[in-house]
Protein backbone atom coordinates (compact mmCIF):
# COMPACT_ATOMS: atom_id res chain seq x y z
CA MET A 1 164.11 90.37 83.55
CA SER A 2 163.63 87.22 85.47
CA ARG A 3 164.79 83.82 84.29
CA CYS A 4 161.44 82.87 82.75
CA GLY A 5 161.33 85.95 80.51
CA HIS A 6 158.81 88.04 82.48
CA VAL A 7 159.47 91.64 83.32
CA THR A 8 159.88 92.23 87.04
CA ALA A 9 158.28 95.09 88.97
CA THR A 10 161.40 97.16 88.54
CA GLY A 11 161.60 96.44 84.83
CA ALA A 12 160.90 98.84 81.98
CA GLY A 13 157.55 97.16 81.09
CA LEU A 14 155.63 99.14 83.72
CA ALA A 15 156.80 102.57 82.66
CA GLY A 16 153.74 102.99 80.33
CA ASP A 17 151.31 102.27 83.19
CA ARG A 18 152.29 105.33 85.22
CA GLY A 19 149.25 107.56 85.97
CA SER A 20 146.65 104.91 85.11
CA GLY A 21 145.41 104.96 88.71
CA SER A 22 144.71 108.69 88.40
CA VAL A 23 142.52 108.10 85.35
CA LEU A 24 140.60 105.42 87.22
CA VAL A 25 140.05 107.71 90.24
CA ILE A 26 138.86 110.56 87.98
CA ALA A 27 136.40 108.20 86.25
CA LEU A 28 135.05 106.99 89.61
CA VAL A 29 134.65 110.56 90.91
CA ALA A 30 132.79 111.54 87.72
CA ALA A 31 130.46 108.55 88.08
CA VAL A 32 129.71 109.50 91.71
CA VAL A 33 128.99 113.11 90.71
CA VAL A 34 126.59 112.00 87.94
CA LEU A 35 124.85 109.59 90.32
CA ALA A 36 124.50 112.28 93.01
CA GLY A 37 123.06 114.70 90.45
CA GLY A 38 120.50 112.12 89.34
CA LEU A 39 119.47 111.44 92.92
CA ALA A 40 119.09 115.18 93.55
CA VAL A 41 116.77 115.51 90.55
CA LEU A 42 114.66 112.57 91.73
CA GLY A 43 114.58 114.01 95.23
CA GLN A 44 113.31 117.32 93.88
CA ALA A 45 110.52 115.50 92.04
CA GLY A 46 109.52 113.79 95.27
CA VAL A 47 109.46 117.11 97.13
CA VAL A 48 107.21 118.68 94.49
CA ARG A 49 104.85 115.69 94.69
CA ALA A 50 104.71 115.99 98.49
CA GLN A 51 103.99 119.73 98.20
CA ALA A 52 101.12 119.03 95.82
CA GLN A 53 99.61 116.41 98.10
CA SER A 54 99.97 118.63 101.19
CA ALA A 55 98.34 121.55 99.37
CA ALA A 56 95.45 119.31 98.28
CA ASP A 57 94.98 117.92 101.80
CA LEU A 58 94.95 121.38 103.37
CA ALA A 59 92.64 122.82 100.70
CA ALA A 60 90.13 120.00 101.15
CA LEU A 61 90.24 120.39 104.94
CA GLY A 62 89.80 124.16 104.65
CA GLY A 63 86.82 123.77 102.37
CA ALA A 64 85.26 121.09 104.56
CA ALA A 65 85.70 123.24 107.67
CA THR A 66 83.74 125.98 105.92
CA VAL A 67 80.80 123.63 105.33
CA SER A 68 81.01 121.72 108.61
CA LEU A 69 77.48 120.38 109.05
CA PRO A 70 75.82 118.26 111.69
CA PRO A 71 74.77 114.77 110.58
CA GLY A 72 71.67 114.67 108.38
CA VAL A 73 71.76 118.39 107.49
CA LEU A 74 72.29 119.24 103.83
CA ALA A 75 74.26 122.31 102.80
CA ALA A 76 72.73 125.30 101.06
CA PRO A 77 74.02 125.86 97.49
CA GLY A 78 75.70 129.15 98.50
CA ALA A 79 77.67 127.38 101.22
CA LEU A 80 79.02 124.94 98.64
CA ALA A 81 80.49 127.79 96.56
CA VAL A 82 82.10 129.31 99.67
CA ALA A 83 83.72 125.95 100.44
CA CYS A 84 85.42 125.87 97.02
CA GLU A 85 86.50 129.51 97.33
CA THR A 86 88.09 128.68 100.67
CA ALA A 87 89.77 125.59 99.21
CA GLU A 88 91.19 127.64 96.32
CA ALA A 89 92.52 130.28 98.71
CA VAL A 90 94.19 127.66 100.91
CA ALA A 91 95.72 125.95 97.86
CA ALA A 92 97.06 129.27 96.55
CA ARG A 93 98.67 130.04 99.94
CA ASN A 94 100.46 126.70 99.62
CA GLY A 95 101.78 127.42 96.12
CA ALA A 96 99.22 125.33 94.24
CA ARG A 97 96.64 126.04 91.56
CA THR A 98 93.22 124.44 91.99
CA GLU A 99 92.25 122.32 89.00
CA ARG A 100 88.97 120.98 90.33
CA CYS A 101 86.80 121.44 93.40
CA THR A 102 83.51 119.70 94.09
CA VAL A 103 81.29 119.72 97.13
CA ASP A 104 78.39 117.35 97.57
CA ALA A 105 75.20 118.11 99.51
CA ARG A 106 76.60 116.35 102.63
CA GLY A 107 79.60 118.69 102.77
CA GLN A 108 82.22 116.32 101.32
CA VAL A 109 84.84 118.49 99.58
CA GLU A 110 87.02 116.96 96.85
CA VAL A 111 89.95 118.99 95.53
CA GLN A 112 92.58 118.47 92.83
CA VAL A 113 95.56 120.85 92.70
CA VAL A 114 98.70 121.29 90.59
CA VAL A 115 102.09 122.47 91.83
CA ARG A 116 104.83 123.56 89.44
CA SER A 117 108.36 123.95 90.77
CA GLY A 118 111.85 123.60 89.34
CA GLY A 119 110.63 122.29 85.99
CA TRP A 120 108.44 119.65 87.64
CA GLU A 121 104.66 119.50 87.76
CA ALA A 122 102.80 117.38 90.30
CA VAL A 123 99.11 116.76 90.90
CA GLY A 124 97.61 116.18 94.32
CA SER A 125 94.05 115.27 95.18
CA ALA A 126 92.20 114.93 98.46
CA ARG A 127 88.74 114.59 99.92
CA ALA A 128 87.58 115.83 103.31
CA GLY A 129 84.36 116.16 105.21
CA ARG A 130 82.22 114.31 107.69
CA ALA A 131 82.65 110.53 107.60
CA VAL A 132 79.24 109.27 106.53
CA THR A 133 77.97 105.71 106.35
CA GLY A 134 75.14 104.53 104.15
CA THR A 135 72.61 105.44 106.88
CA GLY A 136 73.90 108.98 107.31
CA ARG A 137 75.23 108.22 110.81
CA ARG A 138 78.84 108.24 111.88
CA ARG A 139 80.42 104.88 112.50
CA PRO A 140 81.68 104.24 116.01
CA ARG A 141 85.43 104.42 116.37
CA GLY A 142 87.04 101.17 115.25
CA ALA A 143 83.92 99.98 113.48
CA GLY A 144 84.59 98.48 110.09
CA PRO A 145 82.23 97.92 107.19
CA GLY A 146 81.16 94.58 108.64
CA GLY A 147 79.53 96.14 111.69
CA GLY A 148 82.56 96.52 113.91
CA THR A 149 85.92 95.10 114.71
CA PRO A 150 87.24 94.04 118.07
CA GLY A 151 88.88 96.88 119.95
CA ARG A 152 91.90 96.75 122.23
CA GLY A 153 91.93 93.76 124.47
CA ALA A 154 89.16 92.03 122.54
CA ARG A 155 89.78 88.56 121.26
CA ARG A 156 88.57 86.87 118.16
CA PRO A 157 86.95 83.48 118.65
CA THR A 158 89.27 80.59 117.97
CA ARG A 159 88.24 77.34 116.41
């Protein structure tokens, strides 16, 4: 003991603290393992969601490619059914089940699919087909709803 009554580092007061660092390290390692497990579960959920969205995108594109029509031409009812059959086949090849498939007379295909994997279920939806404006004509590249936007190198008027 020192003069003021405190136990020094070599005193007997620290004998009960032996091994306390090991307990702390074990607790920290356990916390890291639990955190890593939680992140892995969340990562798996994100992967399933991405799979569902990819399957929906590809199914809609496959269906739209089946009904690819020139501007102003409406699809025959039989072609619309073939588009959904194609979309369902593409979704199935990507591990998804088609929940809904609709095709309008202009050939726009809208698909909703479900993917189940590792205890997770995710829904993806997509629409594909010819880009149609209110007049039935395609918009020029870079044209916005207001009649067009300046392209590269164009300048907006300054005040």
